[in-house]
Amino acid sequence: MPIQTVLTPEWIEWGKQKSAENPRLEGFVAGEGGLNPKVLLLGEAPGDKEIKLGHPFQGPSGKELDRWLASLGLTREDVYITGVVSGRPFSIGKTGRKRDRRPNNTEVKTWAPMFDFELAHFKDRLLIPMGNASLQRLLGNKAKVGDLHGQLIERPIQEFNQKTGVFELTASPRKIFPLYHPSYSKRFKNMKATVDRDSDRLKQLLDQMSIKGAKS
């Protein structure tokens, strides 16, 4: 099963244009994965490595993601990966070099139509937001990974209304399993047990889903 994107050439051109219009964004990385994924992995935005290589989760974070997927019995062909913003948000440090930063609210709204399109393409798939940026894009700013990680929740999610310029909740709920970023325990050693426990819960959930899928 090859890695592909659900984005049309028109959407890709739209994304490149949105990035080019913002002086604090650079590059464009399309969401990608298998077109019949078991889950959707939702990140924040691409970084320097991602925009250089044109694919999500590259470099050290990509290696950690691949290791984590393997522990779940998955590959990149089994998931679809996208982010809240598809251009790299950056700031200029004191040395004059670009540094990754979290996308701001305006950027999240700008990219919302593309993000909504991708999620709507996989209406019945489990959503796995990795970190607060993607979790809050789904459930609002009051949602915190620290409160919801490792839990299967079913709630309506936010979609952007382009006419009113505000987020509105969907009529139907989505299944969501929030997680800390897979590399979180690498940076914060005291969180390893928590991250590993959440991964174990996710593996159990995926196994249950596979059994149900085989019976149906």
N, C-alpha and C. Protein backbone atom coordinates (compact mmCIF):
# COMPACT_ATOMS: atom_id res chain seq x y z
N MET A 1 0.86 -1.20 0.00
CA MET A 1 0.00 0.00 0.00
C MET A 1 0.89 1.25 0.00
N PRO A 2 0.96 1.97 -1.09
CA PRO A 2 1.88 3.10 -1.18
C PRO A 2 1.44 4.28 -0.32
N ILE A 3 2.42 5.12 0.00
CA ILE A 3 2.14 6.36 0.73
C ILE A 3 1.68 7.42 -0.27
N GLN A 4 0.51 7.99 -0.02
CA GLN A 4 -0.06 8.99 -0.91
C GLN A 4 -0.70 10.11 -0.10
N THR A 5 -1.24 11.10 -0.78
CA THR A 5 -1.98 12.17 -0.13
C THR A 5 -3.40 12.22 -0.69
N VAL A 6 -4.34 12.64 0.13
CA VAL A 6 -5.71 12.81 -0.36
C VAL A 6 -5.90 14.21 -0.95
N LEU A 7 -4.89 15.05 -0.81
CA LEU A 7 -5.00 16.41 -1.33
C LEU A 7 -4.91 16.42 -2.86
N THR A 8 -5.81 17.14 -3.47
CA THR A 8 -5.81 17.28 -4.92
C THR A 8 -4.73 18.28 -5.34
N PRO A 9 -4.37 18.32 -6.61
CA PRO A 9 -3.41 19.34 -7.06
C PRO A 9 -3.88 20.76 -6.72
N GLU A 10 -5.19 20.97 -6.76
CA GLU A 10 -5.73 22.30 -6.43
C GLU A 10 -5.48 22.64 -4.96
N TRP A 11 -5.68 21.66 -4.08
CA TRP A 11 -5.41 21.89 -2.66
C TRP A 11 -3.92 22.12 -2.41
N ILE A 12 -3.08 21.39 -3.08
CA ILE A 12 -1.64 21.55 -2.90
C ILE A 12 -1.20 22.94 -3.35
N GLU A 13 -1.73 23.40 -4.46
CA GLU A 13 -1.41 24.74 -4.93
C GLU A 13 -1.92 25.79 -3.94
N TRP A 14 -3.12 25.57 -3.41
CA TRP A 14 -3.71 26.46 -2.40
C TRP A 14 -2.78 26.54 -1.18
N GLY A 15 -2.29 25.37 -0.73
CA GLY A 15 -1.42 25.34 0.43
C GLY A 15 -0.11 26.07 0.20
N LYS A 16 0.48 25.86 -0.95
CA LYS A 16 1.73 26.55 -1.27
C LYS A 16 1.53 28.06 -1.30
N GLN A 17 0.38 28.48 -1.82
CA GLN A 17 0.09 29.91 -1.90
C GLN A 17 -0.09 30.51 -0.51
N LYS A 18 -0.80 29.80 0.37
CA LYS A 18 -1.01 30.30 1.73
C LYS A 18 0.31 30.46 2.46
N SER A 19 1.22 29.54 2.26
CA SER A 19 2.52 29.64 2.89
C SER A 19 3.32 30.81 2.32
N ALA A 20 3.25 30.98 1.01
CA ALA A 20 4.00 32.06 0.36
C ALA A 20 3.48 33.44 0.77
N GLU A 21 2.20 33.52 1.12
CA GLU A 21 1.59 34.81 1.50
C GLU A 21 1.97 35.25 2.91
N ASN A 22 2.49 34.33 3.71
CA ASN A 22 2.81 34.63 5.10
C ASN A 22 4.32 34.74 5.28
N PRO A 23 4.85 35.92 5.63
CA PRO A 23 6.30 36.07 5.75
C PRO A 23 6.90 35.30 6.93
N ARG A 24 6.05 34.75 7.79
CA ARG A 24 6.54 33.99 8.95
C ARG A 24 6.30 32.48 8.78
N LEU A 25 5.99 32.09 7.55
CA LEU A 25 5.88 30.68 7.20
C LEU A 25 6.80 30.39 6.03
N GLU A 26 7.23 29.15 5.91
CA GLU A 26 7.99 28.76 4.72
C GLU A 26 7.69 27.31 4.37
N GLY A 27 7.75 27.03 3.07
CA GLY A 27 7.58 25.68 2.58
C GLY A 27 6.17 25.16 2.69
N PHE A 28 6.00 23.93 2.24
CA PHE A 28 4.70 23.27 2.30
C PHE A 28 4.93 21.77 2.36
N VAL A 29 4.23 21.10 3.27
CA VAL A 29 4.30 19.64 3.40
C VAL A 29 2.88 19.11 3.41
N ALA A 30 2.54 18.32 2.41
CA ALA A 30 1.20 17.74 2.34
C ALA A 30 1.04 16.61 3.33
N GLY A 31 -0.18 16.42 3.83
CA GLY A 31 -0.49 15.23 4.61
C GLY A 31 -0.31 14.00 3.74
N GLU A 32 0.08 12.89 4.35
CA GLU A 32 0.32 11.70 3.55
C GLU A 32 0.24 10.44 4.40
N GLY A 33 0.11 9.31 3.71
CA GLY A 33 0.06 8.00 4.36
C GLY A 33 -0.68 7.03 3.48
N GLY A 34 -1.19 5.97 4.09
CA GLY A 34 -2.04 5.05 3.35
C GLY A 34 -3.41 5.67 3.15
N LEU A 35 -4.05 5.32 2.05
CA LEU A 35 -5.37 5.90 1.76
C LEU A 35 -6.51 5.10 2.40
N ASN A 36 -6.15 4.02 3.09
CA ASN A 36 -7.13 3.29 3.90
C ASN A 36 -6.51 3.09 5.29
N PRO A 37 -6.22 4.19 5.97
CA PRO A 37 -5.45 4.10 7.22
C PRO A 37 -6.28 3.59 8.39
N LYS A 38 -5.57 3.03 9.36
CA LYS A 38 -6.23 2.61 10.59
C LYS A 38 -6.51 3.80 11.50
N VAL A 39 -5.59 4.78 11.48
CA VAL A 39 -5.73 5.96 12.32
C VAL A 39 -5.19 7.18 11.59
N LEU A 40 -5.58 8.35 12.07
CA LEU A 40 -5.01 9.61 11.60
C LEU A 40 -4.14 10.18 12.71
N LEU A 41 -2.87 10.43 12.39
CA LEU A 41 -1.96 11.06 13.33
C LEU A 41 -1.92 12.55 13.03
N LEU A 42 -2.23 13.35 14.05
CA LEU A 42 -2.37 14.79 13.86
C LEU A 42 -1.27 15.53 14.62
N GLY A 43 -0.43 16.21 13.88
CA GLY A 43 0.66 16.96 14.48
C GLY A 43 0.39 18.45 14.49
N GLU A 44 1.44 19.21 14.71
CA GLU A 44 1.34 20.66 14.81
C GLU A 44 1.64 21.33 13.46
N ALA A 45 2.88 21.22 13.01
CA ALA A 45 3.31 21.84 11.76
C ALA A 45 4.67 21.27 11.39
N PRO A 46 5.06 21.34 10.13
CA PRO A 46 6.39 20.84 9.75
C PRO A 46 7.49 21.73 10.31
N GLY A 47 8.66 21.13 10.47
CA GLY A 47 9.85 21.88 10.87
C GLY A 47 10.82 21.98 9.71
N ASP A 48 12.04 22.33 10.03
CA ASP A 48 13.06 22.55 9.00
C ASP A 48 13.32 21.30 8.17
N LYS A 49 13.49 20.15 8.85
CA LYS A 49 13.77 18.91 8.12
C LYS A 49 12.63 18.54 7.19
N GLU A 50 11.41 18.74 7.67
CA GLU A 50 10.22 18.34 6.90
C GLU A 50 10.09 19.16 5.61
N ILE A 51 10.29 20.46 5.69
CA ILE A 51 10.12 21.27 4.47
C ILE A 51 11.26 21.04 3.49
N LYS A 52 12.43 20.66 4.00
CA LYS A 52 13.54 20.38 3.09
C LYS A 52 13.31 19.07 2.33
N LEU A 53 12.72 18.08 3.02
CA LEU A 53 12.52 16.76 2.43
C LEU A 53 11.12 16.58 1.84
N GLY A 54 10.16 17.44 2.24
CA GLY A 54 8.83 17.40 1.65
C GLY A 54 7.90 16.36 2.21
N HIS A 55 8.22 15.83 3.40
CA HIS A 55 7.39 14.81 4.03
C HIS A 55 7.29 15.07 5.53
N PRO A 56 6.18 14.66 6.16
CA PRO A 56 6.03 14.88 7.60
C PRO A 56 6.92 13.95 8.42
N PHE A 57 7.30 14.42 9.60
CA PHE A 57 8.08 13.64 10.57
C PHE A 57 9.34 13.06 9.95
N GLN A 58 10.32 13.91 9.77
CA GLN A 58 11.62 13.50 9.25
C GLN A 58 12.69 13.72 10.33
N GLY A 59 13.91 13.32 10.04
CA GLY A 59 15.00 13.52 10.99
C GLY A 59 14.80 12.71 12.26
N PRO A 60 15.33 13.19 13.39
CA PRO A 60 15.22 12.45 14.65
C PRO A 60 13.77 12.19 15.07
N SER A 61 12.88 13.17 14.86
CA SER A 61 11.48 12.95 15.24
C SER A 61 10.83 11.90 14.35
N GLY A 62 11.27 11.83 13.10
CA GLY A 62 10.75 10.81 12.20
C GLY A 62 11.21 9.41 12.59
N LYS A 63 12.47 9.30 12.99
CA LYS A 63 12.98 8.00 13.45
C LYS A 63 12.25 7.54 14.70
N GLU A 64 11.98 8.49 15.60
CA GLU A 64 11.25 8.14 16.82
C GLU A 64 9.82 7.73 16.49
N LEU A 65 9.20 8.43 15.52
CA LEU A 65 7.85 8.05 15.11
C LEU A 65 7.83 6.65 14.52
N ASP A 66 8.79 6.35 13.65
CA ASP A 66 8.84 5.03 13.03
C ASP A 66 9.04 3.93 14.08
N ARG A 67 9.90 4.20 15.07
CA ARG A 67 10.12 3.24 16.15
C ARG A 67 8.83 3.02 16.93
N TRP A 68 8.13 4.12 17.21
CA TRP A 68 6.88 4.05 17.97
C TRP A 68 5.81 3.30 17.18
N LEU A 69 5.69 3.58 15.89
CA LEU A 69 4.73 2.87 15.05
C LEU A 69 5.03 1.37 15.04
N ALA A 70 6.30 1.02 14.93
CA ALA A 70 6.68 -0.39 14.91
C ALA A 70 6.27 -1.08 16.21
N SER A 71 6.35 -0.36 17.34
CA SER A 71 5.95 -0.95 18.62
C SER A 71 4.45 -1.22 18.66
N LEU A 72 3.70 -0.52 17.82
CA LEU A 72 2.25 -0.71 17.72
C LEU A 72 1.88 -1.71 16.63
N GLY A 73 2.88 -2.20 15.92
CA GLY A 73 2.62 -3.10 14.81
C GLY A 73 2.15 -2.37 13.56
N LEU A 74 2.56 -1.11 13.42
CA LEU A 74 2.13 -0.27 12.30
C LEU A 74 3.32 0.25 11.51
N THR A 75 3.06 0.64 10.28
CA THR A 75 4.02 1.36 9.45
C THR A 75 3.36 2.65 8.98
N ARG A 76 4.11 3.45 8.27
CA ARG A 76 3.53 4.70 7.76
C ARG A 76 2.43 4.45 6.74
N GLU A 77 2.43 3.27 6.14
CA GLU A 77 1.37 2.93 5.19
C GLU A 77 0.06 2.62 5.91
N ASP A 78 0.13 2.37 7.22
CA ASP A 78 -1.07 2.04 7.99
C ASP A 78 -1.73 3.27 8.61
N VAL A 79 -1.10 4.43 8.47
CA VAL A 79 -1.62 5.65 9.10
C VAL A 79 -1.66 6.77 8.06
N TYR A 80 -2.37 7.83 8.41
CA TYR A 80 -2.32 9.04 7.59
C TYR A 80 -1.88 10.16 8.53
N ILE A 81 -0.87 10.91 8.12
CA ILE A 81 -0.29 11.95 8.96
C ILE A 81 -0.55 13.32 8.36
N THR A 82 -1.07 14.23 9.16
CA THR A 82 -1.20 15.61 8.72
C THR A 82 -1.02 16.53 9.92
N GLY A 83 -1.01 17.82 9.66
CA GLY A 83 -0.79 18.79 10.73
C GLY A 83 -1.79 19.92 10.68
N VAL A 84 -1.87 20.63 11.77
CA VAL A 84 -2.79 21.77 11.89
C VAL A 84 -2.43 22.85 10.87
N VAL A 85 -1.15 23.05 10.64
CA VAL A 85 -0.63 23.99 9.64
C VAL A 85 0.36 23.23 8.78
N SER A 86 0.35 23.45 7.47
CA SER A 86 1.19 22.67 6.57
C SER A 86 2.41 23.41 6.05
N GLY A 87 2.59 24.67 6.50
CA GLY A 87 3.83 25.39 6.25
C GLY A 87 4.61 25.47 7.55
N ARG A 88 5.90 25.73 7.48
CA ARG A 88 6.73 25.79 8.69
C ARG A 88 6.63 27.17 9.35
N PRO A 89 6.05 27.25 10.55
CA PRO A 89 6.08 28.52 11.28
C PRO A 89 7.48 28.72 11.88
N PHE A 90 8.03 29.90 11.71
CA PHE A 90 9.36 30.14 12.25
C PHE A 90 9.46 31.55 12.85
N SER A 91 10.43 31.71 13.73
CA SER A 91 10.81 33.02 14.25
C SER A 91 12.30 33.18 14.00
N ILE A 92 12.80 34.40 14.13
CA ILE A 92 14.22 34.66 13.94
C ILE A 92 14.88 34.84 15.30
N GLY A 93 15.84 34.00 15.59
CA GLY A 93 16.53 34.07 16.87
C GLY A 93 17.58 35.18 16.90
N LYS A 94 18.24 35.31 18.04
CA LYS A 94 19.25 36.35 18.21
C LYS A 94 20.43 36.17 17.27
N THR A 95 20.68 34.95 16.87
CA THR A 95 21.78 34.69 15.94
C THR A 95 21.40 34.96 14.49
N GLY A 96 20.11 35.27 14.27
CA GLY A 96 19.64 35.50 12.91
C GLY A 96 19.15 34.24 12.22
N ARG A 97 19.20 33.13 12.91
CA ARG A 97 18.75 31.86 12.33
C ARG A 97 17.28 31.63 12.62
N LYS A 98 16.63 30.90 11.73
CA LYS A 98 15.22 30.58 11.89
C LYS A 98 15.05 29.48 12.94
N ARG A 99 14.00 29.65 13.75
CA ARG A 99 13.67 28.65 14.76
C ARG A 99 12.20 28.27 14.61
N ASP A 100 11.91 26.98 14.82
CA ASP A 100 10.52 26.53 14.77
C ASP A 100 9.73 27.19 15.89
N ARG A 101 8.46 27.43 15.65
CA ARG A 101 7.56 27.97 16.67
C ARG A 101 6.18 27.35 16.48
N ARG A 102 5.34 27.48 17.49
CA ARG A 102 3.98 27.00 17.39
C ARG A 102 3.17 27.96 16.51
N PRO A 103 2.31 27.45 15.63
CA PRO A 103 1.48 28.34 14.80
C PRO A 103 0.54 29.16 15.67
N ASN A 104 0.30 30.40 15.26
CA ASN A 104 -0.62 31.25 16.01
C ASN A 104 -2.07 31.03 15.55
N ASN A 105 -3.00 31.68 16.24
CA ASN A 105 -4.42 31.45 15.96
C ASN A 105 -4.80 31.84 14.54
N THR A 106 -4.23 32.92 14.03
CA THR A 106 -4.52 33.35 12.67
C THR A 106 -4.08 32.30 11.66
N GLU A 107 -2.92 31.73 11.87
CA GLU A 107 -2.41 30.70 10.97
C GLU A 107 -3.25 29.43 11.05
N VAL A 108 -3.68 29.08 12.25
CA VAL A 108 -4.53 27.90 12.41
C VAL A 108 -5.83 28.08 11.63
N LYS A 109 -6.41 29.27 11.70
CA LYS A 109 -7.65 29.53 10.95
C LYS A 109 -7.39 29.55 9.45
N THR A 110 -6.27 30.11 9.04
CA THR A 110 -5.95 30.16 7.61
C THR A 110 -5.89 28.77 7.01
N TRP A 111 -5.30 27.82 7.75
CA TRP A 111 -5.11 26.47 7.23
C TRP A 111 -6.26 25.54 7.56
N ALA A 112 -7.25 26.05 8.28
CA ALA A 112 -8.36 25.20 8.72
C ALA A 112 -9.11 24.51 7.58
N PRO A 113 -9.39 25.17 6.46
CA PRO A 113 -10.13 24.48 5.39
C PRO A 113 -9.43 23.21 4.89
N MET A 114 -8.11 23.27 4.76
CA MET A 114 -7.37 22.08 4.29
C MET A 114 -7.40 20.99 5.35
N PHE A 115 -7.18 21.35 6.59
CA PHE A 115 -7.19 20.38 7.68
C PHE A 115 -8.56 19.72 7.78
N ASP A 116 -9.63 20.52 7.69
CA ASP A 116 -10.99 19.98 7.74
C ASP A 116 -11.25 19.04 6.57
N PHE A 117 -10.75 19.39 5.40
CA PHE A 117 -10.93 18.54 4.21
C PHE A 117 -10.31 17.15 4.44
N GLU A 118 -9.12 17.13 4.99
CA GLU A 118 -8.44 15.85 5.21
C GLU A 118 -9.17 15.00 6.25
N LEU A 119 -9.60 15.64 7.34
CA LEU A 119 -10.31 14.88 8.37
C LEU A 119 -11.64 14.36 7.85
N ALA A 120 -12.33 15.16 7.04
CA ALA A 120 -13.63 14.74 6.50
C ALA A 120 -13.47 13.59 5.51
N HIS A 121 -12.31 13.48 4.89
CA HIS A 121 -12.07 12.39 3.94
C HIS A 121 -12.04 11.04 4.65
N PHE A 122 -11.68 11.06 5.94
CA PHE A 122 -11.59 9.82 6.73
C PHE A 122 -12.56 9.92 7.90
N LYS A 123 -13.86 9.93 7.60
CA LYS A 123 -14.87 10.25 8.60
C LYS A 123 -14.96 9.25 9.75
N ASP A 124 -14.62 7.99 9.49
CA ASP A 124 -14.81 6.97 10.53
C ASP A 124 -13.49 6.52 11.16
N ARG A 125 -12.41 7.23 10.93
CA ARG A 125 -11.11 6.82 11.45
C ARG A 125 -10.83 7.46 12.82
N LEU A 126 -10.09 6.73 13.63
CA LEU A 126 -9.68 7.23 14.93
C LEU A 126 -8.70 8.38 14.74
N LEU A 127 -8.92 9.48 15.48
CA LEU A 127 -8.04 10.64 15.42
C LEU A 127 -7.09 10.60 16.60
N ILE A 128 -5.80 10.74 16.32
CA ILE A 128 -4.80 10.75 17.37
C ILE A 128 -4.05 12.08 17.35
N PRO A 129 -4.54 13.07 18.10
CA PRO A 129 -3.79 14.34 18.19
C PRO A 129 -2.58 14.14 19.09
N MET A 130 -1.41 14.54 18.60
CA MET A 130 -0.17 14.38 19.35
C MET A 130 0.30 15.75 19.83
N GLY A 131 -0.13 16.11 21.02
CA GLY A 131 0.22 17.41 21.58
C GLY A 131 -0.96 18.35 21.62
N ASN A 132 -0.76 19.47 22.30
CA ASN A 132 -1.87 20.41 22.52
C ASN A 132 -2.33 21.13 21.26
N ALA A 133 -1.42 21.41 20.34
CA ALA A 133 -1.80 22.18 19.15
C ALA A 133 -2.91 21.48 18.37
N SER A 134 -2.73 20.21 18.10
CA SER A 134 -3.74 19.48 17.33
C SER A 134 -4.96 19.13 18.19
N LEU A 135 -4.74 18.82 19.47
CA LEU A 135 -5.88 18.54 20.35
C LEU A 135 -6.78 19.75 20.47
N GLN A 136 -6.20 20.92 20.66
CA GLN A 136 -7.01 22.13 20.81
C GLN A 136 -7.65 22.56 19.50
N ARG A 137 -7.04 22.20 18.38
CA ARG A 137 -7.69 22.46 17.09
C ARG A 137 -8.97 21.64 16.98
N LEU A 138 -8.96 20.45 17.55
CA LEU A 138 -10.15 19.59 17.51
C LEU A 138 -11.21 20.00 18.53
N LEU A 139 -10.78 20.28 19.76
CA LEU A 139 -11.72 20.41 20.87
C LEU A 139 -11.77 21.78 21.52
N GLY A 140 -10.94 22.71 21.08
CA GLY A 140 -10.95 24.04 21.68
C GLY A 140 -9.80 24.22 22.66
N ASN A 141 -9.53 25.47 23.01
CA ASN A 141 -8.34 25.80 23.78
C ASN A 141 -8.35 25.30 25.22
N LYS A 142 -9.52 24.92 25.72
CA LYS A 142 -9.58 24.41 27.09
C LYS A 142 -9.10 22.96 27.20
N ALA A 143 -9.04 22.27 26.08
CA ALA A 143 -8.59 20.87 26.08
C ALA A 143 -7.07 20.82 26.28
N LYS A 144 -6.62 19.94 27.15
CA LYS A 144 -5.20 19.80 27.45
C LYS A 144 -4.79 18.33 27.36
N VAL A 145 -3.68 18.08 26.70
CA VAL A 145 -3.18 16.71 26.61
C VAL A 145 -2.89 16.15 27.99
N GLY A 146 -2.43 17.01 28.90
CA GLY A 146 -2.15 16.57 30.25
C GLY A 146 -3.36 16.00 30.96
N ASP A 147 -4.57 16.44 30.56
CA ASP A 147 -5.81 15.96 31.17
C ASP A 147 -6.40 14.75 30.43
N LEU A 148 -6.18 14.68 29.11
CA LEU A 148 -6.91 13.72 28.28
C LEU A 148 -6.05 12.61 27.68
N HIS A 149 -4.76 12.66 27.86
CA HIS A 149 -3.89 11.68 27.20
C HIS A 149 -4.25 10.25 27.62
N GLY A 150 -4.14 9.35 26.64
CA GLY A 150 -4.35 7.94 26.91
C GLY A 150 -5.79 7.54 27.14
N GLN A 151 -6.73 8.41 26.77
CA GLN A 151 -8.15 8.11 26.95
C GLN A 151 -8.86 8.12 25.60
N LEU A 152 -9.75 7.18 25.40
CA LEU A 152 -10.60 7.20 24.21
C LEU A 152 -11.82 8.05 24.53
N ILE A 153 -11.96 9.13 23.79
CA ILE A 153 -13.11 10.02 23.99
C ILE A 153 -13.86 10.15 22.68
N GLU A 154 -15.12 10.46 22.76
CA GLU A 154 -15.96 10.60 21.57
C GLU A 154 -16.72 11.90 21.69
N ARG A 155 -16.35 12.88 20.89
CA ARG A 155 -16.94 14.21 20.97
C ARG A 155 -17.05 14.83 19.58
N PRO A 156 -17.94 15.79 19.42
CA PRO A 156 -17.91 16.60 18.20
C PRO A 156 -16.60 17.37 18.13
N ILE A 157 -16.13 17.64 16.94
CA ILE A 157 -14.88 18.38 16.78
C ILE A 157 -15.16 19.71 16.08
N GLN A 158 -14.20 20.59 16.15
CA GLN A 158 -14.33 21.90 15.55
C GLN A 158 -14.10 21.86 14.03
N GLU A 159 -14.96 22.53 13.30
CA GLU A 159 -14.75 22.81 11.88
C GLU A 159 -14.83 24.31 11.69
N PHE A 160 -14.07 24.81 10.74
CA PHE A 160 -14.02 26.26 10.51
C PHE A 160 -15.10 26.68 9.53
N ASN A 161 -15.92 27.63 9.94
CA ASN A 161 -16.93 28.20 9.06
C ASN A 161 -16.32 29.40 8.33
N GLN A 162 -16.06 29.23 7.04
CA GLN A 162 -15.37 30.29 6.29
C GLN A 162 -16.23 31.53 6.12
N LYS A 163 -17.55 31.39 6.20
CA LYS A 163 -18.43 32.55 6.06
C LYS A 163 -18.41 33.42 7.31
N THR A 164 -18.43 32.78 8.48
CA THR A 164 -18.47 33.54 9.73
C THR A 164 -17.09 33.77 10.32
N GLY A 165 -16.11 32.98 9.90
CA GLY A 165 -14.76 33.12 10.43
C GLY A 165 -14.58 32.56 11.83
N VAL A 166 -15.47 31.64 12.23
CA VAL A 166 -15.37 31.05 13.57
C VAL A 166 -15.44 29.53 13.46
N PHE A 167 -14.97 28.87 14.51
CA PHE A 167 -15.07 27.42 14.57
C PHE A 167 -16.43 27.01 15.12
N GLU A 168 -16.98 25.95 14.53
CA GLU A 168 -18.25 25.41 15.00
C GLU A 168 -18.10 23.91 15.20
N LEU A 169 -18.87 23.34 16.11
CA LEU A 169 -18.79 21.92 16.37
C LEU A 169 -19.56 21.11 15.34
N THR A 170 -19.02 19.98 14.96
CA THR A 170 -19.68 19.10 14.01
C THR A 170 -20.92 18.47 14.63
N ALA A 171 -21.85 18.08 13.78
CA ALA A 171 -23.08 17.45 14.28
C ALA A 171 -22.79 16.06 14.83
N SER A 172 -21.86 15.36 14.21
CA SER A 172 -21.53 14.00 14.64
C SER A 172 -20.21 13.99 15.42
N PRO A 173 -20.10 13.13 16.42
CA PRO A 173 -18.85 13.04 17.18
C PRO A 173 -17.79 12.25 16.43
N ARG A 174 -16.55 12.43 16.83
CA ARG A 174 -15.44 11.64 16.33
C ARG A 174 -14.74 10.95 17.49
N LYS A 175 -14.16 9.79 17.22
CA LYS A 175 -13.38 9.09 18.23
C LYS A 175 -11.97 9.66 18.25
N ILE A 176 -11.51 10.00 19.45
CA ILE A 176 -10.24 10.71 19.62
C ILE A 176 -9.43 10.03 20.72
N PHE A 177 -8.15 9.84 20.47
CA PHE A 177 -7.26 9.25 21.48
C PHE A 177 -6.04 10.18 21.61
N PRO A 178 -6.09 11.17 22.48
CA PRO A 178 -4.98 12.13 22.59
C PRO A 178 -3.73 11.48 23.17
N LEU A 179 -2.59 11.92 22.67
CA LEU A 179 -1.30 11.42 23.14
C LEU A 179 -0.29 12.55 23.25
N TYR A 180 0.68 12.36 24.13
CA TYR A 180 1.87 13.19 24.06
C TYR A 180 2.62 12.82 22.77
N HIS A 181 3.40 13.75 22.27
CA HIS A 181 4.22 13.47 21.09
C HIS A 181 5.12 12.28 21.39
N PRO A 182 5.33 11.37 20.41
CA PRO A 182 6.16 10.18 20.66
C PRO A 182 7.56 10.49 21.20
N SER A 183 8.11 11.66 20.86
CA SER A 183 9.46 12.01 21.32
C SER A 183 9.46 12.69 22.68
N TYR A 184 8.27 12.86 23.26
CA TYR A 184 8.15 13.60 24.52
C TYR A 184 8.99 12.96 25.62
N SER A 185 8.95 11.63 25.71
CA SER A 185 9.68 10.96 26.78
C SER A 185 11.19 11.02 26.56
N LYS A 186 11.63 11.34 25.34
CA LYS A 186 13.05 11.51 25.09
C LYS A 186 13.55 12.81 25.72
N ARG A 187 12.70 13.81 25.68
CA ARG A 187 13.07 15.11 26.26
C ARG A 187 12.81 15.17 27.75
N PHE A 188 11.78 14.46 28.19
CA PHE A 188 11.40 14.48 29.59
C PHE A 188 11.39 13.03 30.11
N LYS A 189 12.52 12.61 30.63
CA LYS A 189 12.71 11.21 31.01
C LYS A 189 11.69 10.75 32.05
N ASN A 190 11.24 11.68 32.90
CA ASN A 190 10.28 11.30 33.95
C ASN A 190 8.91 10.96 33.39
N MET A 191 8.67 11.25 32.10
CA MET A 191 7.38 10.98 31.47
C MET A 191 7.35 9.65 30.72
N LYS A 192 8.48 8.94 30.71
CA LYS A 192 8.56 7.72 29.90
C LYS A 192 7.49 6.69 30.29
N ALA A 193 7.30 6.49 31.59
CA ALA A 193 6.32 5.50 32.03
C ALA A 193 4.91 5.87 31.57
N THR A 194 4.59 7.16 31.63
CA THR A 194 3.27 7.62 31.18
C THR A 194 3.10 7.43 29.69
N VAL A 195 4.10 7.83 28.92
CA VAL A 195 4.04 7.69 27.46
C VAL A 195 3.94 6.22 27.07
N ASP A 196 4.71 5.37 27.72
CA ASP A 196 4.66 3.93 27.41
C ASP A 196 3.29 3.33 27.77
N ARG A 197 2.73 3.76 28.88
CA ARG A 197 1.42 3.26 29.30
C ARG A 197 0.34 3.67 28.29
N ASP A 198 0.41 4.90 27.83
CA ASP A 198 -0.56 5.36 26.82
C ASP A 198 -0.42 4.57 25.53
N SER A 199 0.81 4.27 25.14
CA SER A 199 1.04 3.48 23.93
C SER A 199 0.46 2.07 24.08
N ASP A 200 0.62 1.50 25.25
CA ASP A 200 0.07 0.17 25.50
C ASP A 200 -1.46 0.20 25.38
N ARG A 201 -2.08 1.24 25.91
CA ARG A 201 -3.54 1.37 25.81
C ARG A 201 -3.97 1.52 24.36
N LEU A 202 -3.21 2.29 23.59
CA LEU A 202 -3.53 2.46 22.17
C LEU A 202 -3.40 1.13 21.44
N LYS A 203 -2.35 0.37 21.72
CA LYS A 203 -2.18 -0.93 21.06
C LYS A 203 -3.35 -1.86 21.37
N GLN A 204 -3.80 -1.87 22.61
CA GLN A 204 -4.96 -2.68 22.98
C GLN A 204 -6.20 -2.23 22.21
N LEU A 205 -6.36 -0.93 22.08
CA LEU A 205 -7.51 -0.39 21.35
C LEU A 205 -7.44 -0.79 19.87
N LEU A 206 -6.27 -0.68 19.27
CA LEU A 206 -6.11 -1.04 17.86
C LEU A 206 -6.37 -2.53 17.65
N ASP A 207 -5.91 -3.34 18.61
CA ASP A 207 -6.16 -4.78 18.51
C ASP A 207 -7.66 -5.08 18.57
N GLN A 208 -8.37 -4.37 19.45
CA GLN A 208 -9.83 -4.54 19.55
C GLN A 208 -10.52 -4.12 18.26
N MET A 209 -10.04 -3.02 17.68
CA MET A 209 -10.61 -2.53 16.43
C MET A 209 -10.38 -3.54 15.31
N SER A 210 -9.21 -4.17 15.29
CA SER A 210 -8.91 -5.16 14.25
C SER A 210 -9.81 -6.38 14.37
N ILE A 211 -10.07 -6.81 15.62
CA ILE A 211 -10.94 -7.95 15.84
C ILE A 211 -12.37 -7.64 15.38
N LYS A 212 -12.84 -6.44 15.73
CA LYS A 212 -14.19 -6.04 15.31
C LYS A 212 -14.28 -5.95 13.79
N GLY A 213 -13.19 -5.39 13.18
CA GLY A 213 -13.19 -5.27 11.73
C GLY A 213 -13.21 -6.62 11.04
N ALA A 214 -12.52 -7.59 11.64
CA ALA A 214 -12.48 -8.93 11.04
C ALA A 214 -13.83 -9.62 11.14
N LYS A 215 -14.59 -9.32 12.21
CA LYS A 215 -15.88 -9.95 12.40
C LYS A 215 -16.97 -9.34 11.53
N SER A 216 -16.81 -8.05 11.23
CA SER A 216 -17.87 -7.36 10.45
C SER A 216 -17.77 -7.67 8.97
